[in-house]
């Protein structure tokens, strides 16, 4: 019984911290500050690999910040343009969060997929509409 109470308290604390971080990021974006949105990227140069990292989004910039060595050699292509939104397929949901949203983009280099959680989606879409890449 004590373990159950501990798990519930830990889960509640984790949810509270996540909501707080998302709200802070949204407030910073509203003030025009640079924010870092956690996401997963699928770049045409590394076909078939999902790269974990962050989109660094500001009022005049949008850049990719990798979290792994594999993503260090990748940057966002110039001319990145959104062409669609979709949920992950069952096969994709095995590697990425099934509740996330995939932003399909085109570029001169090929198709780029950006995976973000629904509460962070608006930041990425706004930056893509401004053509910041």
Protein backbone atom coordinates (compact mmCIF):
# COMPACT_ATOMS: atom_id res chain seq x y z
CA UNK A 1 0.00 0.00 0.00
CA UNK A 2 2.83 2.40 0.83
CA UNK A 3 4.41 1.72 -2.57
CA UNK A 4 1.16 2.60 -4.32
CA UNK A 5 0.91 5.91 -2.48
CA UNK A 6 4.56 6.62 -3.37
CA UNK A 7 3.92 5.94 -7.06
CA UNK A 8 0.84 8.18 -7.08
CA UNK A 9 2.73 11.01 -5.38
CA UNK A 10 5.70 10.63 -7.78
CA UNK A 11 3.37 10.60 -10.80
CA UNK A 12 1.57 13.70 -9.59
CA UNK A 13 4.84 15.51 -9.00
CA UNK A 14 6.14 14.57 -12.46
CA UNK A 15 2.92 15.79 -14.11
CA UNK A 16 3.04 19.06 -12.18
CA UNK A 17 6.68 19.67 -13.18
CA UNK A 18 5.92 18.93 -16.84
CA UNK A 19 2.93 21.30 -16.92
CA UNK A 20 5.04 23.97 -15.24
CA UNK A 21 7.84 23.60 -17.83
CA UNK A 22 5.36 23.77 -20.74
CA UNK A 23 3.70 26.89 -19.29
CA UNK A 24 7.08 28.56 -18.76
CA UNK A 25 8.05 27.81 -22.38
CA UNK A 26 4.73 29.23 -23.64
CA UNK A 27 5.16 32.39 -21.55
CA UNK A 28 8.73 32.84 -22.84
CA UNK A 29 7.55 32.42 -26.44
CA UNK A 30 4.79 34.98 -25.90
CA UNK A 31 7.39 37.48 -24.68
CA UNK A 32 9.49 36.87 -27.80
CA UNK A 33 12.31 34.99 -26.06
CA UNK A 34 14.20 32.08 -27.60
CA UNK A 35 12.73 28.74 -26.51
CA UNK A 36 13.87 25.13 -26.91
CA UNK A 37 11.07 22.75 -27.86
CA UNK A 38 11.81 19.03 -27.36
CA UNK A 39 11.20 17.08 -30.54
CA UNK A 40 12.32 14.21 -32.73
CA UNK A 41 13.57 14.79 -36.27
CA UNK A 42 13.74 12.51 -39.29
CA UNK A 43 16.14 14.03 -41.82
CA UNK A 44 16.51 12.83 -45.44
CA UNK A 45 20.29 12.48 -45.07
CA UNK A 46 19.83 9.87 -42.32
CA UNK A 47 16.90 7.94 -43.81
CA UNK A 48 15.12 5.76 -41.33
CA UNK A 49 16.64 7.28 -38.16
CA UNK A 50 14.76 9.30 -35.61
CA UNK A 51 17.02 11.88 -33.95
CA UNK A 52 16.19 13.26 -30.51
CA UNK A 53 16.84 16.91 -29.85
CA UNK A 54 15.30 20.34 -29.55
CA UNK A 55 14.09 23.01 -31.94
CA UNK A 56 15.56 26.34 -30.91
CA UNK A 57 12.87 28.84 -31.85
CA UNK A 58 13.13 32.61 -31.57
CA UNK A 59 11.50 35.60 -33.17
CA UNK A 60 13.92 35.41 -36.11
CA UNK A 61 15.54 31.96 -35.86
CA UNK A 62 14.74 28.28 -35.96
CA UNK A 63 17.54 25.77 -35.56
CA UNK A 64 18.09 22.12 -34.61
CA UNK A 65 19.96 21.27 -31.40
CA UNK A 66 20.81 17.54 -31.26
CA UNK A 67 20.92 15.46 -28.10
CA UNK A 68 22.98 12.62 -29.62
CA UNK A 69 26.20 12.34 -31.59
CA UNK A 70 24.27 11.01 -34.60
CA UNK A 71 22.28 14.23 -34.83
CA UNK A 72 25.33 16.50 -34.53
CA UNK A 73 26.02 16.35 -38.27
CA UNK A 74 22.44 17.32 -39.16
CA UNK A 75 21.03 20.81 -39.53
CA UNK A 76 17.65 22.03 -40.69
CA UNK A 77 17.54 22.41 -44.47
CA UNK A 78 16.99 25.84 -45.95
CA UNK A 79 13.53 26.39 -47.38
CA UNK A 80 11.77 24.07 -44.93
CA UNK A 81 8.00 24.26 -45.54
CA UNK A 82 5.14 22.49 -43.77
CA UNK A 83 2.91 20.37 -45.99
CA UNK A 84 0.92 18.33 -43.49
CA UNK A 85 0.15 17.11 -39.99
CA UNK A 86 -0.59 13.56 -38.95
CA UNK A 87 -0.56 11.10 -36.08
CA UNK A 88 2.14 8.43 -35.97
CA UNK A 89 1.39 5.14 -37.68
CA UNK A 90 1.37 2.00 -35.56
CA UNK A 91 4.87 1.16 -36.74
CA UNK A 92 6.16 4.67 -35.98
CA UNK A 93 4.49 4.63 -32.57
CA UNK A 94 6.82 1.79 -31.58
CA UNK A 95 9.78 4.21 -31.73
CA UNK A 96 8.18 7.55 -30.89
CA UNK A 97 5.38 8.61 -28.56
CA UNK A 98 2.03 7.54 -30.02
CA UNK A 99 0.30 10.65 -28.63
CA UNK A 100 2.64 12.99 -30.51
CA UNK A 101 1.98 14.81 -33.79
CA UNK A 102 4.16 14.52 -36.88
CA UNK A 103 4.72 17.70 -38.88
CA UNK A 104 5.53 16.76 -42.47
CA UNK A 105 7.80 19.26 -44.22
CA UNK A 106 9.41 19.52 -47.63
CA UNK A 107 12.75 21.04 -48.48
CA UNK A 108 15.18 20.99 -51.40
CA UNK A 109 16.95 18.08 -49.63
CA UNK A 110 13.78 15.99 -49.31
CA UNK A 111 11.04 15.21 -46.80
CA UNK A 112 11.71 16.19 -43.18
CA UNK A 113 9.52 14.91 -40.34
CA UNK A 114 9.34 16.75 -37.02
CA UNK A 115 7.66 14.98 -34.10
CA UNK A 116 6.34 17.15 -31.26
CA UNK A 117 3.87 16.73 -28.45
CA UNK A 118 0.49 18.44 -28.97
CA UNK A 119 1.12 21.05 -26.25
CA UNK A 120 4.29 22.23 -28.08
CA UNK A 121 2.95 21.98 -31.64
CA UNK A 122 1.90 25.61 -32.00
CA UNK A 123 5.47 26.88 -31.41
CA UNK A 124 6.86 24.76 -34.24
CA UNK A 125 4.00 25.56 -36.65
CA UNK A 126 4.37 29.29 -36.02
CA UNK A 127 8.11 29.16 -36.70
CA UNK A 128 7.56 27.17 -39.91
CA UNK A 129 4.92 29.65 -41.12
CA UNK A 130 7.37 32.49 -40.58
CA UNK A 131 9.90 30.60 -42.70
CA UNK A 132 12.67 30.83 -40.12
CA UNK A 133 14.71 27.78 -41.10
